[in-house]
Amino acid sequence: MRGLELSKAFFERFGLPMLRNEFAEYADRIAAGLVGHGSECFGYDDDISADHDFEPGFCLWITEEDDSIFGFRLMRAYSRLPKEFEGISIKKRSLLGSDGKGVHTIPDFYKFYTGRSGAPRDWREWMSIPSHYLAEAVNGEVFYDPMGVFSGIREEIKNGMPFDVRLKKIAARAVMMAQTGQYNYSRCISHGEKCAAEIALHEFAKETVQMVFLLNSEHCPYYKWMFRAMKSLSMLSDVADDLESLLLCNSGNVAGRKQMIENICEKIASQLKAMELSDSEDGYLESHAFSVNSKIKTPEIRNLHIME
């Protein structure tokens, strides 16, 4: 059983009855689910992942006002839930693991990911928050949320990025793909800097994955899971296989790698044009970056450095 399934089953068996029996007056003001840091929240956990922080449990989210009324009681009630479920016991936590389960106020939960008590409030905040934090804020599943406050903020974070911010990020990724893959990989090889060439190649791969997420209007997760998540996207998911072939290709096959880079860039350029985000016909992605940037309507965003 995956961690998310375990969490939901544990909530339905013990958590929901606890809310209805011990907090009947407040049950419709409490949200429950499993969201945040860790492979189980993305649904990517496996047998290897079970060596740390794999245990029955879930999150409970309440407002700050309700925290002052019944928050401590709710924490005590949660702590009394069974310590074993489906043969799985609560373990000692890994120092590198998460401590996300249990009772949280809604503002405190989101503040960890966005720096404020909810969704980003303006384009500057959207520009500055790393995508993997936004991805963690909206992953997993909400099992129960009668009041809808927690889920409302979640929806804002998932779909609320201003279009001009997305365009700026797309333009920046296009420039970096051009620099790392189409330009610097070959330059490093020519200089005999093989290690630098490998770094350029890996930077190209990371920039490409982030580009594909942006084109899908999705938040890109932590590097450890970005390739796996990319394969489930609706557009350009096949680029994950292209990148895998590129990264695993014999390092001595420079000509082959250069052609793979160009093929990937052509796919991205074609998608940019198909979505009417770029008017460029150039094969070099930097020209597409400036075309995308020119379509930004907000002057303050458009006039930022292209790689902002």
C-alpha atoms as a PDB file:
ATOM      1  CA  MET A   1       0.000   0.000   0.000  1.00  0.00           C
ATOM      2  CA  ARG A   2       1.332   3.444  -0.960  1.00  0.00           C
ATOM      3  CA  GLY A   3       1.661   6.125   1.702  1.00  0.00           C
ATOM      4  CA  LEU A   4      -1.199   8.223   0.333  1.00  0.00           C
ATOM      5  CA  GLU A   5      -3.528   5.223   0.302  1.00  0.00           C
ATOM      6  CA  LEU A   6      -2.452   4.292   3.816  1.00  0.00           C
ATOM      7  CA  SER A   7      -3.078   7.826   5.027  1.00  0.00           C
ATOM      8  CA  LYS A   8      -6.549   8.015   3.494  1.00  0.00           C
ATOM      9  CA  ALA A   9      -7.573   4.604   4.834  1.00  0.00           C
ATOM     10  CA  PHE A  10      -6.289   5.526   8.307  1.00  0.00           C
ATOM     11  CA  PHE A  11      -8.240   8.795   8.236  1.00  0.00           C
ATOM     12  CA  GLU A  12     -11.462   7.110   7.126  1.00  0.00           C
ATOM     13  CA  ARG A  13     -11.119   4.355   9.738  1.00  0.00           C
ATOM     14  CA  PHE A  14     -10.032   6.437  12.732  1.00  0.00           C
ATOM     15  CA  GLY A  15      -9.695  10.121  11.878  1.00  0.00           C
ATOM     16  CA  LEU A  16     -13.152  10.932  10.572  1.00  0.00           C
ATOM     17  CA  PRO A  17     -14.941   9.084  13.394  1.00  0.00           C
ATOM     18  CA  MET A  18     -12.738  10.969  15.872  1.00  0.00           C
ATOM     19  CA  LEU A  19     -13.768  14.300  14.354  1.00  0.00           C
ATOM     20  CA  ARG A  20     -17.452  13.405  14.333  1.00  0.00           C
ATOM     21  CA  ASN A  21     -17.493  11.933  17.827  1.00  0.00           C
ATOM     22  CA  GLU A  22     -15.148  14.235  19.743  1.00  0.00           C
ATOM     23  CA  PHE A  23     -15.460  17.452  17.703  1.00  0.00           C
ATOM     24  CA  ALA A  24     -19.003  17.297  16.379  1.00  0.00           C
ATOM     25  CA  GLU A  25     -19.457  21.037  16.921  1.00  0.00           C
ATOM     26  CA  TYR A  26     -16.341  21.877  14.882  1.00  0.00           C
ATOM     27  CA  ALA A  27     -16.000  18.963  12.437  1.00  0.00           C
ATOM     28  CA  ASP A  28     -17.199  21.047   9.490  1.00  0.00           C
ATOM     29  CA  ARG A  29     -14.398  23.566  10.160  1.00  0.00           C
ATOM     30  CA  ILE A  30     -11.533  21.056   9.931  1.00  0.00           C
ATOM     31  CA  ALA A  31      -9.771  19.949   6.737  1.00  0.00           C
ATOM     32  CA  ALA A  32      -7.848  16.690   6.445  1.00  0.00           C
ATOM     33  CA  GLY A  33      -5.523  15.110   3.911  1.00  0.00           C
ATOM     34  CA  LEU A  34      -1.899  14.435   3.065  1.00  0.00           C
ATOM     35  CA  VAL A  35      -0.049  17.253   1.308  1.00  0.00           C
ATOM     36  CA  GLY A  36       3.507  18.560   1.405  1.00  0.00           C
ATOM     37  CA  HIS A  37       7.064  17.275   1.550  1.00  0.00           C
ATOM     38  CA  GLY A  38       7.985  13.687   0.775  1.00  0.00           C
ATOM     39  CA  SER A  39       7.608  11.079  -1.937  1.00  0.00           C
ATOM     40  CA  GLU A  40       4.379   9.728  -0.441  1.00  0.00           C
ATOM     41  CA  CYS A  41       2.662  13.090  -1.002  1.00  0.00           C
ATOM     42  CA  PHE A  42       3.503  12.850  -4.706  1.00  0.00           C
ATOM     43  CA  GLY A  43       2.532   9.176  -4.858  1.00  0.00           C
ATOM     44  CA  TYR A  44       6.114   8.219  -5.733  1.00  0.00           C
ATOM     45  CA  ASP A  45       6.979   6.150  -2.663  1.00  0.00           C
ATOM     46  CA  ASP A  46       7.929   2.476  -2.996  1.00  0.00           C
ATOM     47  CA  ASP A  47       9.422  -0.307  -0.897  1.00  0.00           C
ATOM     48  CA  ILE A  48      12.702   1.596  -0.602  1.00  0.00           C
ATOM     49  CA  SER A  49      10.895   4.725   0.609  1.00  0.00           C
ATOM     50  CA  ALA A  50       9.391   2.786   3.506  1.00  0.00           C
ATOM     51  CA  ASP A  51      12.716   2.882   5.356  1.00  0.00           C
ATOM     52  CA  HIS A  52      11.892   6.314   6.772  1.00  0.00           C
ATOM     53  CA  ASP A  53       8.796   8.303   7.730  1.00  0.00           C
ATOM     54  CA  PHE A  54       6.409   5.690   6.284  1.00  0.00           C
ATOM     55  CA  GLU A  55       3.637   5.413   8.822  1.00  0.00           C
ATOM     56  CA  PRO A  56      -0.113   5.755   9.335  1.00  0.00           C
ATOM     57  CA  GLY A  57      -1.129   9.378   9.774  1.00  0.00           C
ATOM     58  CA  PHE A  58      -2.601  12.415   8.079  1.00  0.00           C
ATOM     59  CA  CYS A  59      -2.718  16.197   8.300  1.00  0.00           C
ATOM     60  CA  LEU A  60      -5.442  18.237   9.986  1.00  0.00           C
ATOM     61  CA  TRP A  61      -5.704  21.914   9.035  1.00  0.00           C
ATOM     62  CA  ILE A  62      -7.610  24.555  10.987  1.00  0.00           C
ATOM     63  CA  THR A  63      -7.827  28.346  11.032  1.00  0.00           C
ATOM     64  CA  GLU A  64      -5.873  30.394  13.569  1.00  0.00           C
ATOM     65  CA  GLU A  65      -9.142  31.367  15.233  1.00  0.00           C
ATOM     66  CA  ASP A  66     -10.144  27.737  15.661  1.00  0.00           C
ATOM     67  CA  ASP A  67      -6.659  26.867  16.869  1.00  0.00           C
ATOM     68  CA  SER A  68      -7.210  29.143  19.850  1.00  0.00           C
ATOM     69  CA  ILE A  69     -10.566  27.462  20.558  1.00  0.00           C
ATOM     70  CA  PHE A  70      -9.900  23.754  20.140  1.00  0.00           C
ATOM     71  CA  GLY A  71      -6.429  23.330  18.599  1.00  0.00           C
ATOM     72  CA  PHE A  72      -4.804  21.838  21.690  1.00  0.00           C
ATOM     73  CA  ARG A  73      -7.687  19.420  22.212  1.00  0.00           C
ATOM     74  CA  LEU A  74      -7.418  18.363  18.573  1.00  0.00           C
ATOM     75  CA  MET A  75      -3.680  17.703  18.926  1.00  0.00           C
ATOM     76  CA  ARG A  76      -4.302  15.599  22.022  1.00  0.00           C
ATOM     77  CA  ALA A  77      -7.025  13.634  20.260  1.00  0.00           C
ATOM     78  CA  TYR A  78      -4.753  13.032  17.242  1.00  0.00           C
ATOM     79  CA  SER A  79      -1.972  11.798  19.522  1.00  0.00           C
ATOM     80  CA  ARG A  80      -4.332   9.169  20.947  1.00  0.00           C
ATOM     81  CA  LEU A  81      -5.015   7.563  17.551  1.00  0.00           C
ATOM     82  CA  PRO A  82      -3.648   4.017  17.086  1.00  0.00           C
ATOM     83  CA  LYS A  83       0.095   3.756  16.588  1.00  0.00           C
ATOM     84  CA  GLU A  84      -0.268   0.802  14.227  1.00  0.00           C
ATOM     85  CA  PHE A  85      -2.484   0.278  11.187  1.00  0.00           C
ATOM     86  CA  GLU A  86      -2.466  -2.403   8.495  1.00  0.00           C
ATOM     87  CA  GLY A  87       0.589  -3.913  10.166  1.00  0.00           C
ATOM     88  CA  ILE A  88       2.557  -0.648   9.881  1.00  0.00           C
ATOM     89  CA  SER A  89       3.762   1.102  13.026  1.00  0.00           C
ATOM     90  CA  ILE A  90       4.887   4.658  13.665  1.00  0.00           C
ATOM     91  CA  LYS A  91       8.686   4.641  13.581  1.00  0.00           C
ATOM     92  CA  LYS A  92      11.343   6.904  14.972  1.00  0.00           C
ATOM     93  CA  ARG A  93      11.718   9.760  12.504  1.00  0.00           C
ATOM     94  CA  SER A  94      14.667  10.206  10.191  1.00  0.00           C
ATOM     95  CA  LEU A  95      16.601  13.406  10.787  1.00  0.00           C
ATOM     96  CA  LEU A  96      16.193  14.097   7.066  1.00  0.00           C
ATOM     97  CA  GLY A  97      12.526  13.192   6.984  1.00  0.00           C
ATOM     98  CA  SER A  98       9.452  15.357   7.280  1.00  0.00           C
ATOM     99  CA  ASP A  99       7.205  16.007  10.234  1.00  0.00           C
ATOM    100  CA  GLY A 100       4.189  17.025   8.205  1.00  0.00           C
ATOM    101  CA  LYS A 101       1.436  14.902   9.751  1.00  0.00           C
ATOM    102  CA  GLY A 102      -0.731  16.063  12.633  1.00  0.00           C
ATOM    103  CA  VAL A 103      -2.465  19.361  13.362  1.00  0.00           C
ATOM    104  CA  HIS A 104      -1.456  22.597  11.609  1.00  0.00           C
ATOM    105  CA  THR A 105      -3.012  25.990  11.220  1.00  0.00           C
ATOM    106  CA  ILE A 106      -3.778  26.788   7.590  1.00  0.00           C
ATOM    107  CA  PRO A 107      -1.597  29.938   7.579  1.00  0.00           C
ATOM    108  CA  ASP A 108       1.388  28.098   9.100  1.00  0.00           C
ATOM    109  CA  PHE A 109       1.136  25.282   6.579  1.00  0.00           C
ATOM    110  CA  TYR A 110       1.141  27.584   3.551  1.00  0.00           C
ATOM    111  CA  LYS A 111       3.689  29.983   5.027  1.00  0.00           C
ATOM    112  CA  PHE A 112       6.305  27.244   4.829  1.00  0.00           C
ATOM    113  CA  TYR A 113       5.843  27.030   1.050  1.00  0.00           C
ATOM    114  CA  THR A 114       4.919  30.565  -0.010  1.00  0.00           C
ATOM    115  CA  GLY A 115       6.345  32.733   2.768  1.00  0.00           C
ATOM    116  CA  ARG A 116       2.886  34.034   3.602  1.00  0.00           C
ATOM    117  CA  SER A 117      -0.391  32.730   5.013  1.00  0.00           C
ATOM    118  CA  GLY A 118      -1.810  31.732   1.644  1.00  0.00           C
ATOM    119  CA  ALA A 119      -1.196  31.976  -2.083  1.00  0.00           C
ATOM    120  CA  PRO A 120       1.281  34.492  -3.527  1.00  0.00           C
ATOM    121  CA  ARG A 121      -0.400  37.888  -3.628  1.00  0.00           C
ATOM    122  CA  ASP A 122       1.372  39.641  -6.505  1.00  0.00           C
ATOM    123  CA  TRP A 123       3.626  38.956  -9.496  1.00  0.00           C
ATOM    124  CA  ARG A 124       6.788  39.619  -7.492  1.00  0.00           C
ATOM    125  CA  GLU A 125       5.976  36.805  -5.096  1.00  0.00           C
ATOM    126  CA  TRP A 126       5.081  34.478  -7.960  1.00  0.00           C
ATOM    127  CA  MET A 127       8.440  35.266  -9.570  1.00  0.00           C
ATOM    128  CA  SER A 128      10.471  34.628  -6.430  1.00  0.00           C
ATOM    129  CA  ILE A 129       9.016  31.381  -5.020  1.00  0.00           C
ATOM    130  CA  PRO A 130      10.807  28.234  -6.282  1.00  0.00           C
ATOM    131  CA  SER A 131       8.512  25.977  -8.275  1.00  0.00           C
ATOM    132  CA  HIS A 132       9.243  22.916  -6.128  1.00  0.00           C
ATOM    133  CA  TYR A 133       7.746  24.689  -3.100  1.00  0.00           C
ATOM    134  CA  LEU A 134       4.582  25.446  -5.062  1.00  0.00           C
ATOM    135  CA  ALA A 135       4.476  21.837  -6.274  1.00  0.00           C
ATOM    136  CA  GLU A 136       4.640  20.561  -2.696  1.00  0.00           C
ATOM    137  CA  ALA A 137       1.903  22.958  -1.596  1.00  0.00           C
ATOM    138  CA  VAL A 138      -0.582  21.398  -4.047  1.00  0.00           C
ATOM    139  CA  ASN A 139       0.442  17.739  -4.236  1.00  0.00           C
ATOM    140  CA  GLY A 140      -1.164  14.810  -2.426  1.00  0.00           C
ATOM    141  CA  GLU A 141      -4.873  14.754  -1.698  1.00  0.00           C
ATOM    142  CA  VAL A 142      -7.380  16.557   0.492  1.00  0.00           C
ATOM    143  CA  PHE A 143      -9.673  13.915   1.999  1.00  0.00           C
ATOM    144  CA  TYR A 144     -12.103  16.173   3.830  1.00  0.00           C
ATOM    145  CA  ASP A 145     -12.712  19.922   3.730  1.00  0.00           C
ATOM    146  CA  PRO A 146     -16.326  20.975   4.370  1.00  0.00           C
ATOM    147  CA  MET A 147     -15.426  24.637   4.899  1.00  0.00           C
ATOM    148  CA  GLY A 148     -13.228  24.812   1.785  1.00  0.00           C
ATOM    149  CA  VAL A 149     -10.703  27.372   3.062  1.00  0.00           C
ATOM    150  CA  PHE A 150      -7.681  25.098   2.762  1.00  0.00           C
ATOM    151  CA  SER A 151      -8.749  23.821  -0.664  1.00  0.00           C
ATOM    152  CA  GLY A 152      -9.461  27.349  -1.876  1.00  0.00           C
ATOM    153  CA  ILE A 153      -5.891  28.460  -1.202  1.00  0.00           C
ATOM    154  CA  ARG A 154      -4.640  25.239  -2.759  1.00  0.00           C
ATOM    155  CA  GLU A 155      -6.550  26.021  -5.958  1.00  0.00           C
ATOM    156  CA  GLU A 156      -5.122  29.563  -6.062  1.00  0.00           C
ATOM    157  CA  ILE A 157      -1.575  28.205  -5.841  1.00  0.00           C
ATOM    158  CA  LYS A 158      -2.228  25.519  -8.424  1.00  0.00           C
ATOM    159  CA  ASN A 159      -3.825  27.732 -11.077  1.00  0.00           C
ATOM    160  CA  GLY A 160      -3.261  31.340 -10.024  1.00  0.00           C
ATOM    161  CA  MET A 161       0.134  32.181 -11.535  1.00  0.00           C
ATOM    162  CA  PRO A 162      -0.291  35.337 -13.664  1.00  0.00           C
ATOM    163  CA  PHE A 163       0.150  34.681 -17.379  1.00  0.00           C
ATOM    164  CA  ASP A 164       2.871  37.328 -17.699  1.00  0.00           C
ATOM    165  CA  VAL A 165       4.882  35.665 -14.938  1.00  0.00           C
ATOM    166  CA  ARG A 166       4.621  32.341 -16.723  1.00  0.00           C
ATOM    167  CA  LEU A 167       5.775  33.980 -19.968  1.00  0.00           C
ATOM    168  CA  LYS A 168       8.794  35.482 -18.193  1.00  0.00           C
ATOM    169  CA  LYS A 169       9.745  32.135 -16.750  1.00  0.00           C
ATOM    170  CA  ILE A 170       9.330  30.477 -20.154  1.00  0.00           C
ATOM    171  CA  ALA A 171      11.553  33.126 -21.750  1.00  0.00           C
ATOM    172  CA  ALA A 172      14.230  32.545 -19.093  1.00  0.00           C
ATOM    173  CA  ARG A 173      14.151  28.787 -19.605  1.00  0.00           C
ATOM    174  CA  ALA A 174      14.471  29.220 -23.367  1.00  0.00           C
ATOM    175  CA  VAL A 175      17.576  31.393 -22.938  1.00  0.00           C
ATOM    176  CA  MET A 176      19.138  28.914 -20.534  1.00  0.00           C
ATOM    177  CA  MET A 177      18.378  25.943 -22.804  1.00  0.00           C
ATOM    178  CA  ALA A 178      20.085  27.794 -25.660  1.00  0.00           C
ATOM    179  CA  GLN A 179      23.108  28.739 -23.568  1.00  0.00           C
ATOM    180  CA  THR A 180      23.678  25.426 -21.810  1.00  0.00           C
ATOM    181  CA  GLY A 181      22.735  22.999 -24.574  1.00  0.00           C
ATOM    182  CA  GLN A 182      22.940  24.669 -27.958  1.00  0.00           C
ATOM    183  CA  TYR A 183      26.004  26.796 -27.177  1.00  0.00           C
ATOM    184  CA  ASN A 184      28.070  25.920 -24.122  1.00  0.00           C
ATOM    185  CA  TYR A 185      28.019  22.130 -24.410  1.00  0.00           C
ATOM    186  CA  SER A 186      29.860  22.321 -27.745  1.00  0.00           C
ATOM    187  CA  ARG A 187      32.105  25.158 -26.569  1.00  0.00           C
ATOM    188  CA  CYS A 188      33.196  23.179 -23.514  1.00  0.00           C
ATOM    189  CA  ILE A 189      33.961  20.145 -25.677  1.00  0.00           C
ATOM    190  CA  SER A 190      36.011  22.332 -28.033  1.00  0.00           C
ATOM    191  CA  HIS A 191      38.015  23.643 -25.086  1.00  0.00           C
ATOM    192  CA  GLY A 192      38.632  20.118 -23.843  1.00  0.00           C
ATOM    193  CA  GLU A 193      36.604  20.816 -20.711  1.00  0.00           C
ATOM    194  CA  LYS A 194      34.818  17.486 -20.520  1.00  0.00           C
ATOM    195  CA  CYS A 195      33.542  17.911 -16.959  1.00  0.00           C
ATOM    196  CA  ALA A 196      32.210  21.386 -17.756  1.00  0.00           C
ATOM    197  CA  ALA A 197      30.490  19.905 -20.823  1.00  0.00           C
ATOM    198  CA  GLU A 198      28.761  17.309 -18.639  1.00  0.00           C
ATOM    199  CA  ILE A 199      27.620  20.031 -16.246  1.00  0.00           C
ATOM    200  CA  ALA A 200      26.265  22.052 -19.180  1.00  0.00           C
ATOM    201  CA  LEU A 201      24.389  18.991 -20.407  1.00  0.00           C
ATOM    202  CA  HIS A 202      22.790  18.370 -17.032  1.00  0.00           C
ATOM    203  CA  GLU A 203      21.866  22.033 -16.692  1.00  0.00           C
ATOM    204  CA  PHE A 204      20.253  21.830 -20.126  1.00  0.00           C
ATOM    205  CA  ALA A 205      18.210  18.832 -18.979  1.00  0.00           C
ATOM    206  CA  LYS A 206      16.988  20.630 -15.826  1.00  0.00           C
ATOM    207  CA  GLU A 207      16.071  23.764 -17.782  1.00  0.00           C
ATOM    208  CA  THR A 208      14.203  21.658 -20.348  1.00  0.00           C
ATOM    209  CA  VAL A 209      12.164  19.836 -17.709  1.00  0.00           C
ATOM    210  CA  GLN A 210      11.211  23.156 -16.111  1.00  0.00           C
ATOM    211  CA  MET A 211      10.243  24.515 -19.536  1.00  0.00           C
ATOM    212  CA  VAL A 212       7.935  21.557 -20.174  1.00  0.00           C
ATOM    213  CA  PHE A 213       6.227  22.061 -16.814  1.00  0.00           C
ATOM    214  CA  LEU A 214       5.705  25.754 -17.566  1.00  0.00           C
ATOM    215  CA  LEU A 215       4.202  24.973 -20.968  1.00  0.00           C
ATOM    216  CA  ASN A 216       1.802  22.617 -19.198  1.00  0.00           C
ATOM    217  CA  SER A 217       0.956  25.299 -16.593  1.00  0.00           C
ATOM    218  CA  GLU A 218       2.149  22.982 -13.836  1.00  0.00           C
ATOM    219  CA  HIS A 219       4.604  23.506 -10.975  1.00  0.00           C
ATOM    220  CA  CYS A 220       7.828  21.539 -11.363  1.00  0.00           C
ATOM    221  CA  PRO A 221       8.759  19.424  -8.319  1.00  0.00           C
ATOM    222  CA  TYR A 222      12.088  18.859  -6.589  1.00  0.00           C
ATOM    223  CA  TYR A 223      14.814  17.589  -8.953  1.00  0.00           C
ATOM    224  CA  LYS A 224      14.589  14.073  -7.527  1.00  0.00           C
ATOM    225  CA  TRP A 225      11.067  13.653  -8.923  1.00  0.00           C
ATOM    226  CA  MET A 226      10.963  16.038 -11.883  1.00  0.00           C
ATOM    227  CA  PHE A 227      11.602  13.375 -14.543  1.00  0.00           C
ATOM    228  CA  ARG A 228       9.024  11.006 -13.130  1.00  0.00           C
ATOM    229  CA  ALA A 229       6.425  13.767 -12.847  1.00  0.00           C
ATOM    230  CA  MET A 230       7.211  15.006 -16.348  1.00  0.00           C
ATOM    231  CA  LYS A 231       6.159  11.668 -17.854  1.00  0.00           C
ATOM    232  CA  SER A 232       2.575  12.215 -16.684  1.00  0.00           C
ATOM    233  CA  LEU A 233       2.139  15.672 -18.245  1.00  0.00           C
ATOM    234  CA  SER A 234      -0.333  16.123 -21.091  1.00  0.00           C
ATOM    235  CA  MET A 235       2.083  17.935 -23.444  1.00  0.00           C
ATOM    236  CA  LEU A 236       5.664  17.047 -24.357  1.00  0.00           C
ATOM    237  CA  SER A 237       5.871  14.182 -21.869  1.00  0.00           C
ATOM    238  CA  ASP A 238       7.890  12.286 -24.494  1.00  0.00           C
ATOM    239  CA  VAL A 239      10.731  14.794 -23.996  1.00  0.00           C
ATOM    240  CA  ALA A 240      11.484  12.916 -20.769  1.00  0.00           C
ATOM    241  CA  ASP A 241      12.562   9.922 -22.855  1.00  0.00           C
ATOM    242  CA  ASP A 242      14.604  12.194 -25.134  1.00  0.00           C
ATOM    243  CA  LEU A 243      16.420  13.652 -22.137  1.00  0.00           C
ATOM    244  CA  GLU A 244      17.017  10.230 -20.661  1.00  0.00           C
ATOM    245  CA  SER A 245      18.637   9.099 -23.926  1.00  0.00           C
ATOM    246  CA  LEU A 246      20.743  12.263 -23.972  1.00  0.00           C
ATOM    247  CA  LEU A 247      21.981  11.923 -20.400  1.00  0.00           C
ATOM    248  CA  LEU A 248      22.719   8.202 -20.679  1.00  0.00           C
ATOM    249  CA  CYS A 249      24.345   8.421 -24.094  1.00  0.00           C
ATOM    250  CA  ASN A 250      28.046   7.578 -24.316  1.00  0.00           C
ATOM    251  CA  SER A 251      29.899  10.781 -23.446  1.00  0.00           C
ATOM    252  CA  GLY A 252      32.198  10.225 -26.403  1.00  0.00           C
ATOM    253  CA  ASN A 253      29.301  10.457 -28.842  1.00  0.00           C
ATOM    254  CA  VAL A 254      29.471  14.244 -29.082  1.00  0.00           C
ATOM    255  CA  ALA A 255      27.858  14.476 -32.522  1.00  0.00           C
ATOM    256  CA  GLY A 256      24.992  12.288 -31.398  1.00  0.00           C
ATOM    257  CA  ARG A 257      24.434  14.334 -28.269  1.00  0.00           C
ATOM    258  CA  LYS A 258      24.476  17.599 -30.222  1.00  0.00           C
ATOM    259  CA  GLN A 259      21.815  16.240 -32.558  1.00  0.00           C
ATOM    260  CA  MET A 260      19.695  15.106 -29.602  1.00  0.00           C
ATOM    261  CA  ILE A 261      19.940  18.600 -28.120  1.00  0.00           C
ATOM    262  CA  GLU A 262      18.791  20.155 -31.384  1.00  0.00           C
ATOM    263  CA  ASN A 263      15.903  17.686 -31.677  1.00  0.00           C
ATOM    264  CA  ILE A 264      14.717  18.554 -28.179  1.00  0.00           C
ATOM    265  CA  CYS A 265      15.011  22.284 -28.859  1.00  0.00           C
ATOM    266  CA  GLU A 266      13.026  21.868 -32.052  1.00  0.00           C
ATOM    267  CA  LYS A 267      10.201  20.210 -30.108  1.00  0.00           C
ATOM    268  CA  ILE A 268      10.148  23.098 -27.639  1.00  0.00           C
ATOM    269  CA  ALA A 269      10.277  25.715 -30.407  1.00  0.00           C
ATOM    270  CA  SER A 270       7.423  24.005 -32.254  1.00  0.00           C
ATOM    271  CA  GLN A 271       5.314  23.971 -29.099  1.00  0.00           C
ATOM    272  CA  LEU A 272       6.011  27.638 -28.417  1.00  0.00           C
ATOM    273  CA  LYS A 273       4.839  28.496 -31.920  1.00  0.00           C
ATOM    274  CA  ALA A 274       1.825  26.183 -31.726  1.00  0.00           C
ATOM    275  CA  MET A 275       0.735  27.926 -28.509  1.00  0.00           C
ATOM    276  CA  GLU A 276       1.347  31.313 -30.193  1.00  0.00           C
ATOM    277  CA  LEU A 277       3.891  32.225 -27.544  1.00  0.00           C
ATOM    278  CA  SER A 278       6.676  32.813 -30.082  1.00  0.00           C
ATOM    279  CA  ASP A 279       6.771  34.175 -33.617  1.00  0.00           C
ATOM    280  CA  SER A 280      10.395  33.262 -34.254  1.00  0.00           C
ATOM    281  CA  GLU A 281      11.369  30.850 -37.028  1.00  0.00           C
ATOM    282  CA  ASP A 282      14.933  30.538 -35.770  1.00  0.00           C
ATOM    283  CA  GLY A 283      16.227  27.185 -34.567  1.00  0.00           C
ATOM    284  CA  TYR A 284      18.172  28.842 -31.757  1.00  0.00           C
ATOM    285  CA  LEU A 285      15.988  29.091 -28.657  1.00  0.00           C
ATOM    286  CA  GLU A 286      17.380  32.434 -27.543  1.00  0.00           C
ATOM    287  CA  SER A 287      15.446  34.153 -30.354  1.00  0.00           C
ATOM    288  CA  HIS A 288      12.273  32.449 -29.133  1.00  0.00           C
ATOM    289  CA  ALA A 289      13.007  33.753 -25.635  1.00  0.00           C
ATOM    290  CA  PHE A 290      12.931  37.359 -26.800  1.00  0.00           C
ATOM    291  CA  SER A 291       9.820  36.709 -28.871  1.00  0.00           C
ATOM    292  CA  VAL A 292       8.057  35.290 -25.805  1.00  0.00           C
ATOM    293  CA  ASN A 293       9.264  38.193 -23.685  1.00  0.00           C
ATOM    294  CA  SER A 294       7.856  40.728 -26.161  1.00  0.00           C
ATOM    295  CA  LYS A 295       4.348  39.348 -25.549  1.00  0.00           C
ATOM    296  CA  ILE A 296       4.432  40.224 -21.833  1.00  0.00           C
ATOM    297  CA  LYS A 297       1.939  43.024 -21.216  1.00  0.00           C
ATOM    298  CA  THR A 298       3.063  44.121 -17.747  1.00  0.00           C
ATOM    299  CA  PRO A 299       5.947  46.589 -18.316  1.00  0.00           C
ATOM    300  CA  GLU A 300       7.647  45.863 -14.985  1.00  0.00           C
ATOM    301  CA  ILE A 301       7.805  42.151 -15.819  1.00  0.00           C
ATOM    302  CA  ARG A 302       8.688  42.601 -19.487  1.00  0.00           C
ATOM    303  CA  ASN A 303      11.570  44.937 -18.650  1.00  0.00           C
ATOM    304  CA  LEU A 304      13.198  42.580 -16.160  1.00  0.00           C
ATOM    305  CA  HIS A 305      16.374  40.871 -17.345  1.00  0.00           C
ATOM    306  CA  ILE A 306      15.520  38.064 -19.743  1.00  0.00           C
ATOM    307  CA  MET A 307      16.965  35.485 -17.337  1.00  0.00           C
ATOM    308  CA  GLU A 308      15.215  36.875 -14.248  1.00  0.00           C
END
